[in-house]
């Protein structure tokens, strides 16, 4: 599985992206082929797995890292 975490740099979402990255590695490392952080802007915070949306802050509101890992696990 390839996971991408895109986050807004100007918004200061880097730490949240790093927290999600750590949670994904801790919970799903054996299932991962690739984990990528992508810098963005305009308030973006989005997580995709194999190109499919898992979480989008604009649509899903605030979720913590554990919730995002749970949603990723459902796609495995």
C-alpha atoms as a PDB file:
ATOM      1  CA  UNK A   1       0.000   0.000   0.000  1.00  0.00           C
ATOM      2  CA  UNK A   2       1.223   3.505  -0.851  1.00  0.00           C
ATOM      3  CA  UNK A   3       0.144   6.233   1.566  1.00  0.00           C
ATOM      4  CA  UNK A   4       0.474   9.945   0.894  1.00  0.00           C
ATOM      5  CA  UNK A   5      -0.017  12.674   3.497  1.00  0.00           C
ATOM      6  CA  UNK A   6      -0.424  16.138   1.974  1.00  0.00           C
ATOM      7  CA  UNK A   7      -0.350  19.050   4.412  1.00  0.00           C
ATOM      8  CA  UNK A   8      -0.520  22.844   4.349  1.00  0.00           C
ATOM      9  CA  UNK A   9       2.849  24.400   5.174  1.00  0.00           C
ATOM     10  CA  UNK A  10       1.610  27.987   5.757  1.00  0.00           C
ATOM     11  CA  UNK A  11      -1.114  26.667   8.102  1.00  0.00           C
ATOM     12  CA  UNK A  12       1.446  24.949  10.316  1.00  0.00           C
ATOM     13  CA  UNK A  13       0.102  21.428   9.746  1.00  0.00           C
ATOM     14  CA  UNK A  14       3.590  19.895   9.592  1.00  0.00           C
ATOM     15  CA  UNK A  15       3.531  18.555  13.152  1.00  0.00           C
ATOM     16  CA  UNK A  16       0.125  16.944  12.598  1.00  0.00           C
ATOM     17  CA  UNK A  17       1.465  15.367   9.389  1.00  0.00           C
ATOM     18  CA  UNK A  18       4.454  14.008  11.316  1.00  0.00           C
ATOM     19  CA  UNK A  19       2.145  12.662  14.041  1.00  0.00           C
ATOM     20  CA  UNK A  20       0.006  10.906  11.431  1.00  0.00           C
ATOM     21  CA  UNK A  21       3.143   9.568   9.742  1.00  0.00           C
ATOM     22  CA  UNK A  22       4.378   8.101  13.045  1.00  0.00           C
ATOM     23  CA  UNK A  23       0.983   6.561  13.794  1.00  0.00           C
ATOM     24  CA  UNK A  24       0.798   5.017  10.310  1.00  0.00           C
ATOM     25  CA  UNK A  25       4.308   3.575  10.655  1.00  0.00           C
ATOM     26  CA  UNK A  26       3.551   2.207  14.116  1.00  0.00           C
ATOM     27  CA  UNK A  27       0.249   0.670  13.077  1.00  0.00           C
ATOM     28  CA  UNK A  28       0.739  -0.388   9.471  1.00  0.00           C
ATOM     29  CA  UNK A  29       4.450  -0.558   8.691  1.00  0.00           C
ATOM     30  CA  UNK A  30       4.301  -4.172   7.492  1.00  0.00           C
ATOM     31  CA  UNK A  31       1.540  -3.331   5.002  1.00  0.00           C
ATOM     32  CA  UNK A  32       3.274  -0.259   3.550  1.00  0.00           C
ATOM     33  CA  UNK A  33       5.221  -0.096   0.320  1.00  0.00           C
ATOM     34  CA  UNK A  34       5.649   3.660   0.501  1.00  0.00           C
ATOM     35  CA  UNK A  35       4.783   6.550   2.830  1.00  0.00           C
ATOM     36  CA  UNK A  36       5.163  10.064   1.447  1.00  0.00           C
ATOM     37  CA  UNK A  37       4.785  13.540   2.935  1.00  0.00           C
ATOM     38  CA  UNK A  38       3.781  16.186   0.388  1.00  0.00           C
ATOM     39  CA  UNK A  39       3.950  19.897   1.163  1.00  0.00           C
ATOM     40  CA  UNK A  40       0.915  21.905   0.094  1.00  0.00           C
ATOM     41  CA  UNK A  41      -0.995  25.083   0.828  1.00  0.00           C
ATOM     42  CA  UNK A  42      -4.519  26.529   0.927  1.00  0.00           C
ATOM     43  CA  UNK A  43      -5.437  24.647   4.123  1.00  0.00           C
ATOM     44  CA  UNK A  44      -4.970  21.167   2.692  1.00  0.00           C
ATOM     45  CA  UNK A  45      -4.597  18.132   4.920  1.00  0.00           C
ATOM     46  CA  UNK A  46      -5.346  14.976   2.974  1.00  0.00           C
ATOM     47  CA  UNK A  47      -4.403  11.319   3.319  1.00  0.00           C
ATOM     48  CA  UNK A  48      -4.665   8.899   0.413  1.00  0.00           C
ATOM     49  CA  UNK A  49      -3.952   5.190   0.111  1.00  0.00           C
ATOM     50  CA  UNK A  50      -3.102   3.844  -3.330  1.00  0.00           C
ATOM     51  CA  UNK A  51      -4.519   7.066  -4.780  1.00  0.00           C
ATOM     52  CA  UNK A  52      -7.879   6.683  -3.019  1.00  0.00           C
ATOM     53  CA  UNK A  53      -8.963   9.306  -0.481  1.00  0.00           C
ATOM     54  CA  UNK A  54      -8.940   8.175   3.148  1.00  0.00           C
ATOM     55  CA  UNK A  55      -9.164  11.520   4.918  1.00  0.00           C
ATOM     56  CA  UNK A  56      -9.636  15.110   3.782  1.00  0.00           C
ATOM     57  CA  UNK A  57      -9.784  17.835   6.426  1.00  0.00           C
ATOM     58  CA  UNK A  58     -12.039  19.947   4.193  1.00  0.00           C
ATOM     59  CA  UNK A  59     -14.652  17.174   4.001  1.00  0.00           C
ATOM     60  CA  UNK A  60     -14.142  15.133   7.174  1.00  0.00           C
ATOM     61  CA  UNK A  61     -13.310  17.817   9.748  1.00  0.00           C
ATOM     62  CA  UNK A  62     -10.682  17.188  12.398  1.00  0.00           C
ATOM     63  CA  UNK A  63      -9.570  13.624  13.068  1.00  0.00           C
ATOM     64  CA  UNK A  64      -6.700  12.490  15.241  1.00  0.00           C
ATOM     65  CA  UNK A  65      -3.900  10.284  13.957  1.00  0.00           C
ATOM     66  CA  UNK A  66      -5.385   7.102  15.467  1.00  0.00           C
ATOM     67  CA  UNK A  67      -8.680   7.660  13.626  1.00  0.00           C
ATOM     68  CA  UNK A  68      -6.820   8.084  10.347  1.00  0.00           C
ATOM     69  CA  UNK A  69      -4.836   4.860  10.956  1.00  0.00           C
ATOM     70  CA  UNK A  70      -8.101   3.044  11.709  1.00  0.00           C
ATOM     71  CA  UNK A  71      -9.543   4.261   8.393  1.00  0.00           C
ATOM     72  CA  UNK A  72      -6.363   3.184   6.574  1.00  0.00           C
ATOM     73  CA  UNK A  73      -6.506  -0.242   8.217  1.00  0.00           C
ATOM     74  CA  UNK A  74     -10.024  -0.709   6.795  1.00  0.00           C
ATOM     75  CA  UNK A  75      -8.553  -0.311   3.288  1.00  0.00           C
ATOM     76  CA  UNK A  76      -5.881  -2.985   3.826  1.00  0.00           C
END
